[in-house]
Amino acid sequence: MAHVKVTIFVVFALLWIHPTTFLEKNKRSQEDVIRVPKSVIMVIRLELLLLLVLPLLAVLMTRGHGIIDSN
């Protein structure tokens, strides 16, 4: 279960690259309104979903789910 949590965190970090590059490109823009692409919105929504899954996995880990019994 811990491997799943770490993997989700790594995926989250990799996904964050796309919105960050968009924000950096448009940080100094002189336009009043900046149109945010749908891909950036979808990536942020996916990241929020992943953030909701992490505490659920933590609860499952504390209850012993995912532990392989060696007996």
PDB file of N, CA and C in Angstrom:
ATOM      1  N   MET A   1       0.815  -1.182   0.000  1.00  0.00           N
ATOM      2  CA  MET A   1       0.000   0.000   0.000  1.00  0.00           C
ATOM      3  C   MET A   1       0.868   1.259   0.000  1.00  0.00           C
ATOM      4  N   ALA A   2       2.010   1.189   0.686  1.00  0.00           N
ATOM      5  CA  ALA A   2       2.898   2.348   0.730  1.00  0.00           C
ATOM      6  C   ALA A   2       3.456   2.654  -0.652  1.00  0.00           C
ATOM      7  N   HIS A   3       3.699   1.614  -1.438  1.00  0.00           N
ATOM      8  CA  HIS A   3       4.207   1.823  -2.788  1.00  0.00           C
ATOM      9  C   HIS A   3       3.177   2.546  -3.646  1.00  0.00           C
ATOM     10  N   VAL A   4       1.917   2.233  -3.435  1.00  0.00           N
ATOM     11  CA  VAL A   4       0.845   2.889  -4.190  1.00  0.00           C
ATOM     12  C   VAL A   4       0.794   4.367  -3.832  1.00  0.00           C
ATOM     13  N   LYS A   5       0.934   4.683  -2.543  1.00  0.00           N
ATOM     14  CA  LYS A   5       0.914   6.081  -2.118  1.00  0.00           C
ATOM     15  C   LYS A   5       2.080   6.859  -2.722  1.00  0.00           C
ATOM     16  N   VAL A   6       3.250   6.271  -2.703  1.00  0.00           N
ATOM     17  CA  VAL A   6       4.422   6.948  -3.263  1.00  0.00           C
ATOM     18  C   VAL A   6       4.259   7.124  -4.770  1.00  0.00           C
ATOM     19  N   THR A   7       3.735   6.107  -5.437  1.00  0.00           N
ATOM     20  CA  THR A   7       3.509   6.194  -6.880  1.00  0.00           C
ATOM     21  C   THR A   7       2.516   7.296  -7.213  1.00  0.00           C
ATOM     22  N   ILE A   8       1.439   7.385  -6.448  1.00  0.00           N
ATOM     23  CA  ILE A   8       0.456   8.448  -6.683  1.00  0.00           C
ATOM     24  C   ILE A   8       1.092   9.812  -6.464  1.00  0.00           C
ATOM     25  N   PHE A   9       1.931   9.936  -5.446  1.00  0.00           N
ATOM     26  CA  PHE A   9       2.602  11.206  -5.199  1.00  0.00           C
ATOM     27  C   PHE A   9       3.535  11.579  -6.350  1.00  0.00           C
ATOM     28  N   VAL A  10       4.256  10.611  -6.885  1.00  0.00           N
ATOM     29  CA  VAL A  10       5.157  10.875  -8.019  1.00  0.00           C
ATOM     30  C   VAL A  10       4.354  11.274  -9.252  1.00  0.00           C
ATOM     31  N   VAL A  11       3.255  10.581  -9.512  1.00  0.00           N
ATOM     32  CA  VAL A  11       2.390  10.935 -10.643  1.00  0.00           C
ATOM     33  C   VAL A  11       1.845  12.343 -10.451  1.00  0.00           C
ATOM     34  N   PHE A  12       1.446  12.662  -9.235  1.00  0.00           N
ATOM     35  CA  PHE A  12       0.950  13.999  -8.919  1.00  0.00           C
ATOM     36  C   PHE A  12       2.011  15.053  -9.237  1.00  0.00           C
ATOM     37  N   ALA A  13       3.238  14.799  -8.820  1.00  0.00           N
ATOM     38  CA  ALA A  13       4.325  15.748  -9.066  1.00  0.00           C
ATOM     39  C   ALA A  13       4.601  15.902 -10.558  1.00  0.00           C
ATOM     40  N   LEU A  14       4.558  14.809 -11.297  1.00  0.00           N
ATOM     41  CA  LEU A  14       4.791  14.891 -12.740  1.00  0.00           C
ATOM     42  C   LEU A  14       3.658  15.615 -13.453  1.00  0.00           C
ATOM     43  N   LEU A  15       2.435  15.403 -12.994  1.00  0.00           N
ATOM     44  CA  LEU A  15       1.295  16.091 -13.604  1.00  0.00           C
ATOM     45  C   LEU A  15       1.344  17.594 -13.352  1.00  0.00           C
ATOM     46  N   TRP A  16       1.930  17.995 -12.251  1.00  0.00           N
ATOM     47  CA  TRP A  16       1.959  19.401 -11.889  1.00  0.00           C
ATOM     48  C   TRP A  16       2.852  20.219 -12.828  1.00  0.00           C
ATOM     49  N   ILE A  17       3.685  19.566 -13.608  1.00  0.00           N
ATOM     50  CA  ILE A  17       4.583  20.271 -14.524  1.00  0.00           C
ATOM     51  C   ILE A  17       3.796  21.056 -15.567  1.00  0.00           C
ATOM     52  N   HIS A  18       2.742  20.477 -16.105  1.00  0.00           N
ATOM     53  CA  HIS A  18       1.970  21.128 -17.174  1.00  0.00           C
ATOM     54  C   HIS A  18       1.321  22.440 -16.713  1.00  0.00           C
ATOM     55  N   PRO A  19       0.569  22.470 -15.612  1.00  0.00           N
ATOM     56  CA  PRO A  19       0.004  23.748 -15.178  1.00  0.00           C
ATOM     57  C   PRO A  19       1.071  24.766 -14.776  1.00  0.00           C
ATOM     58  N   THR A  20       2.173  24.288 -14.208  1.00  0.00           N
ATOM     59  CA  THR A  20       3.230  25.202 -13.798  1.00  0.00           C
ATOM     60  C   THR A  20       3.860  25.892 -14.996  1.00  0.00           C
ATOM     61  N   THR A  21       4.124  25.140 -16.053  1.00  0.00           N
ATOM     62  CA  THR A  21       4.705  25.767 -17.244  1.00  0.00           C
ATOM     63  C   THR A  21       3.729  26.760 -17.869  1.00  0.00           C
ATOM     64  N   PHE A  22       2.431  26.446 -17.848  1.00  0.00           N
ATOM     65  CA  PHE A  22       1.439  27.389 -18.375  1.00  0.00           C
ATOM     66  C   PHE A  22       1.439  28.681 -17.557  1.00  0.00           C
ATOM     67  N   LEU A  23       1.474  28.544 -16.230  1.00  0.00           N
ATOM     68  CA  LEU A  23       1.476  29.732 -15.381  1.00  0.00           C
ATOM     69  C   LEU A  23       2.746  30.555 -15.566  1.00  0.00           C
ATOM     70  N   GLU A  24       3.869  29.896 -15.696  1.00  0.00           N
ATOM     71  CA  GLU A  24       5.129  30.617 -15.893  1.00  0.00           C
ATOM     72  C   GLU A  24       5.149  31.372 -17.220  1.00  0.00           C
ATOM     73  N   LYS A  25       4.589  30.768 -18.261  1.00  0.00           N
ATOM     74  CA  LYS A  25       4.555  31.429 -19.570  1.00  0.00           C
ATOM     75  C   LYS A  25       3.665  32.659 -19.551  1.00  0.00           C
ATOM     76  N   ASN A  26       2.586  32.607 -18.782  1.00  0.00           N
ATOM     77  CA  ASN A  26       1.613  33.694 -18.789  1.00  0.00           C
ATOM     78  C   ASN A  26       1.718  34.619 -17.580  1.00  0.00           C
ATOM     79  N   LYS A  27       2.747  34.462 -16.786  1.00  0.00           N
ATOM     80  CA  LYS A  27       2.885  35.253 -15.569  1.00  0.00           C
ATOM     81  C   LYS A  27       3.039  36.746 -15.864  1.00  0.00           C
ATOM     82  N   ARG A  28       3.775  37.062 -16.859  1.00  0.00           N
ATOM     83  CA  ARG A  28       4.052  38.461 -17.179  1.00  0.00           C
ATOM     84  C   ARG A  28       3.228  38.971 -18.355  1.00  0.00           C
ATOM     85  N   SER A  29       2.138  38.310 -18.616  1.00  0.00           N
ATOM     86  CA  SER A  29       1.283  38.700 -19.737  1.00  0.00           C
ATOM     87  C   SER A  29       0.616  40.039 -19.448  1.00  0.00           C
ATOM     88  N   GLN A  30       0.465  40.838 -20.484  1.00  0.00           N
ATOM     89  CA  GLN A  30      -0.175  42.145 -20.353  1.00  0.00           C
ATOM     90  C   GLN A  30      -1.675  42.079 -20.602  1.00  0.00           C
ATOM     91  N   GLU A  31      -2.179  40.908 -20.944  1.00  0.00           N
ATOM     92  CA  GLU A  31      -3.603  40.764 -21.229  1.00  0.00           C
ATOM     93  C   GLU A  31      -4.412  40.822 -19.939  1.00  0.00           C
ATOM     94  N   ASP A  32      -5.641  41.374 -20.052  1.00  0.00           N
ATOM     95  CA  ASP A  32      -6.527  41.445 -18.889  1.00  0.00           C
ATOM     96  C   ASP A  32      -7.093  40.074 -18.541  1.00  0.00           C
ATOM     97  N   VAL A  33      -7.440  39.310 -19.575  1.00  0.00           N
ATOM     98  CA  VAL A  33      -8.025  37.989 -19.374  1.00  0.00           C
ATOM     99  C   VAL A  33      -7.156  36.965 -20.091  1.00  0.00           C
ATOM    100  N   ILE A  34      -6.747  35.941 -19.359  1.00  0.00           N
ATOM    101  CA  ILE A  34      -5.943  34.869 -19.946  1.00  0.00           C
ATOM    102  C   ILE A  34      -6.819  33.631 -20.026  1.00  0.00           C
ATOM    103  N   ARG A  35      -6.928  33.082 -21.217  1.00  0.00           N
ATOM    104  CA  ARG A  35      -7.742  31.883 -21.422  1.00  0.00           C
ATOM    105  C   ARG A  35      -6.938  30.655 -20.995  1.00  0.00           C
ATOM    106  N   VAL A  36      -7.491  29.909 -20.065  1.00  0.00           N
ATOM    107  CA  VAL A  36      -6.825  28.704 -19.561  1.00  0.00           C
ATOM    108  C   VAL A  36      -7.266  27.523 -20.415  1.00  0.00           C
ATOM    109  N   PRO A  37      -6.326  26.787 -21.007  1.00  0.00           N
ATOM    110  CA  PRO A  37      -6.687  25.633 -21.839  1.00  0.00           C
ATOM    111  C   PRO A  37      -7.388  24.543 -21.021  1.00  0.00           C
ATOM    112  N   LYS A  38      -8.232  23.784 -21.699  1.00  0.00           N
ATOM    113  CA  LYS A  38      -8.959  22.704 -21.032  1.00  0.00           C
ATOM    114  C   LYS A  38      -8.013  21.645 -20.483  1.00  0.00           C
ATOM    115  N   SER A  39      -6.878  21.463 -21.142  1.00  0.00           N
ATOM    116  CA  SER A  39      -5.927  20.455 -20.657  1.00  0.00           C
ATOM    117  C   SER A  39      -5.395  20.820 -19.273  1.00  0.00           C
ATOM    118  N   VAL A  40      -5.161  22.094 -19.027  1.00  0.00           N
ATOM    119  CA  VAL A  40      -4.678  22.529 -17.714  1.00  0.00           C
ATOM    120  C   VAL A  40      -5.757  22.296 -16.657  1.00  0.00           C
ATOM    121  N   ILE A  41      -6.994  22.610 -16.998  1.00  0.00           N
ATOM    122  CA  ILE A  41      -8.104  22.405 -16.065  1.00  0.00           C
ATOM    123  C   ILE A  41      -8.269  20.922 -15.748  1.00  0.00           C
ATOM    124  N   MET A  42      -8.174  20.072 -16.760  1.00  0.00           N
ATOM    125  CA  MET A  42      -8.335  18.634 -16.538  1.00  0.00           C
ATOM    126  C   MET A  42      -7.198  18.063 -15.684  1.00  0.00           C
ATOM    127  N   VAL A  43      -5.984  18.549 -15.895  1.00  0.00           N
ATOM    128  CA  VAL A  43      -4.847  18.073 -15.096  1.00  0.00           C
ATOM    129  C   VAL A  43      -5.041  18.466 -13.634  1.00  0.00           C
ATOM    130  N   ILE A  44      -5.501  19.680 -13.392  1.00  0.00           N
ATOM    131  CA  ILE A  44      -5.728  20.122 -12.016  1.00  0.00           C
ATOM    132  C   ILE A  44      -6.838  19.296 -11.367  1.00  0.00           C
ATOM    133  N   ARG A  45      -7.882  18.995 -12.109  1.00  0.00           N
ATOM    134  CA  ARG A  45      -8.960  18.151 -11.568  1.00  0.00           C
ATOM    135  C   ARG A  45      -8.456  16.749 -11.243  1.00  0.00           C
ATOM    136  N   LEU A  46      -7.612  16.203 -12.108  1.00  0.00           N
ATOM    137  CA  LEU A  46      -7.039  14.881 -11.852  1.00  0.00           C
ATOM    138  C   LEU A  46      -6.160  14.904 -10.603  1.00  0.00           C
ATOM    139  N   GLU A  47      -5.403  15.981 -10.436  1.00  0.00           N
ATOM    140  CA  GLU A  47      -4.566  16.111  -9.246  1.00  0.00           C
ATOM    141  C   GLU A  47      -5.413  16.183  -7.977  1.00  0.00           C
ATOM    142  N   LEU A  48      -6.529  16.891  -8.040  1.00  0.00           N
ATOM    143  CA  LEU A  48      -7.421  16.954  -6.880  1.00  0.00           C
ATOM    144  C   LEU A  48      -7.975  15.578  -6.541  1.00  0.00           C
ATOM    145  N   LEU A  49      -8.292  14.807  -7.563  1.00  0.00           N
ATOM    146  CA  LEU A  49      -8.774  13.444  -7.336  1.00  0.00           C
ATOM    147  C   LEU A  49      -7.696  12.592  -6.667  1.00  0.00           C
ATOM    148  N   LEU A  50      -6.467  12.728  -7.145  1.00  0.00           N
ATOM    149  CA  LEU A  50      -5.365  11.975  -6.542  1.00  0.00           C
ATOM    150  C   LEU A  50      -5.141  12.395  -5.089  1.00  0.00           C
ATOM    151  N   LEU A  51      -5.318  13.687  -4.799  1.00  0.00           N
ATOM    152  CA  LEU A  51      -5.167  14.148  -3.421  1.00  0.00           C
ATOM    153  C   LEU A  51      -6.245  13.577  -2.510  1.00  0.00           C
ATOM    154  N   LEU A  52      -7.420  13.318  -3.065  1.00  0.00           N
ATOM    155  CA  LEU A  52      -8.487  12.713  -2.269  1.00  0.00           C
ATOM    156  C   LEU A  52      -8.221  11.235  -1.998  1.00  0.00           C
ATOM    157  N   VAL A  53      -7.509  10.581  -2.897  1.00  0.00           N
ATOM    158  CA  VAL A  53      -7.236   9.149  -2.752  1.00  0.00           C
ATOM    159  C   VAL A  53      -6.148   8.891  -1.705  1.00  0.00           C
ATOM    160  N   LEU A  54      -5.196   9.796  -1.569  1.00  0.00           N
ATOM    161  CA  LEU A  54      -4.078   9.575  -0.641  1.00  0.00           C
ATOM    162  C   LEU A  54      -4.525   9.357   0.810  1.00  0.00           C
ATOM    163  N   PRO A  55      -5.417  10.174   1.380  1.00  0.00           N
ATOM    164  CA  PRO A  55      -5.853   9.886   2.758  1.00  0.00           C
ATOM    165  C   PRO A  55      -6.607   8.564   2.876  1.00  0.00           C
ATOM    166  N   LEU A  56      -7.360   8.208   1.854  1.00  0.00           N
ATOM    167  CA  LEU A  56      -8.064   6.925   1.868  1.00  0.00           C
ATOM    168  C   LEU A  56      -7.065   5.771   1.950  1.00  0.00           C
ATOM    169  N   LEU A  57      -6.007   5.855   1.179  1.00  0.00           N
ATOM    170  CA  LEU A  57      -4.975   4.818   1.232  1.00  0.00           C
ATOM    171  C   LEU A  57      -4.279   4.793   2.591  1.00  0.00           C
ATOM    172  N   ALA A  58      -4.094   5.960   3.192  1.00  0.00           N
ATOM    173  CA  ALA A  58      -3.474   6.010   4.520  1.00  0.00           C
ATOM    174  C   ALA A  58      -4.347   5.305   5.554  1.00  0.00           C
ATOM    175  N   VAL A  59      -5.654   5.514   5.475  1.00  0.00           N
ATOM    176  CA  VAL A  59      -6.573   4.839   6.397  1.00  0.00           C
ATOM    177  C   VAL A  59      -6.527   3.333   6.183  1.00  0.00           C
ATOM    178  N   LEU A  60      -6.512   2.909   4.929  1.00  0.00           N
ATOM    179  CA  LEU A  60      -6.446   1.477   4.639  1.00  0.00           C
ATOM    180  C   LEU A  60      -5.150   0.869   5.170  1.00  0.00           C
ATOM    181  N   MET A  61      -4.054   1.620   5.063  1.00  0.00           N
ATOM    182  CA  MET A  61      -2.777   1.119   5.573  1.00  0.00           C
ATOM    183  C   MET A  61      -2.819   0.955   7.088  1.00  0.00           C
ATOM    184  N   THR A  62      -3.426   1.910   7.793  1.00  0.00           N
ATOM    185  CA  THR A  62      -3.457   1.812   9.255  1.00  0.00           C
ATOM    186  C   THR A  62      -4.332   0.659   9.724  1.00  0.00           C
ATOM    187  N   ARG A  63      -5.292   0.271   8.912  1.00  0.00           N
ATOM    188  CA  ARG A  63      -6.163  -0.849   9.274  1.00  0.00           C
ATOM    189  C   ARG A  63      -5.579  -2.194   8.839  1.00  0.00           C
ATOM    190  N   GLY A  64      -4.426  -2.173   8.207  1.00  0.00           N
ATOM    191  CA  GLY A  64      -3.756  -3.417   7.867  1.00  0.00           C
ATOM    192  C   GLY A  64      -4.067  -3.968   6.493  1.00  0.00           C
ATOM    193  N   HIS A  65      -4.804  -3.253   5.679  1.00  0.00           N
ATOM    194  CA  HIS A  65      -5.079  -3.737   4.326  1.00  0.00           C
ATOM    195  C   HIS A  65      -3.813  -3.628   3.482  1.00  0.00           C
ATOM    196  N   GLY A  66      -3.603  -4.598   2.636  1.00  0.00           N
ATOM    197  CA  GLY A  66      -2.437  -4.597   1.769  1.00  0.00           C
ATOM    198  C   GLY A  66      -1.238  -5.305   2.363  1.00  0.00           C
ATOM    199  N   ILE A  67      -1.373  -5.797   3.585  1.00  0.00           N
ATOM    200  CA  ILE A  67      -0.285  -6.544   4.213  1.00  0.00           C
ATOM    201  C   ILE A  67      -0.442  -8.011   3.836  1.00  0.00           C
ATOM    202  N   ILE A  68       0.624  -8.580   3.317  1.00  0.00           N
ATOM    203  CA  ILE A  68       0.596  -9.986   2.911  1.00  0.00           C
ATOM    204  C   ILE A  68       0.943 -10.844   4.120  1.00  0.00           C
ATOM    205  N   ASP A  69       0.064 -11.770   4.453  1.00  0.00           N
ATOM    206  CA  ASP A  69       0.294 -12.673   5.581  1.00  0.00           C
ATOM    207  C   ASP A  69       1.252 -13.775   5.137  1.00  0.00           C
ATOM    208  N   SER A  70       2.345 -13.933   5.865  1.00  0.00           N
ATOM    209  CA  SER A  70       3.361 -14.911   5.468  1.00  0.00           C
ATOM    210  C   SER A  70       3.064 -16.316   5.979  1.00  0.00           C
ATOM    211  N   ASN A  71       1.989 -16.512   6.705  1.00  0.00           N
ATOM    212  CA  ASN A  71       1.663 -17.851   7.238  1.00  0.00           C
ATOM    213  C   ASN A  71       1.004 -18.705   6.225  1.00  0.00           C
TER     214      ASN A  71
END
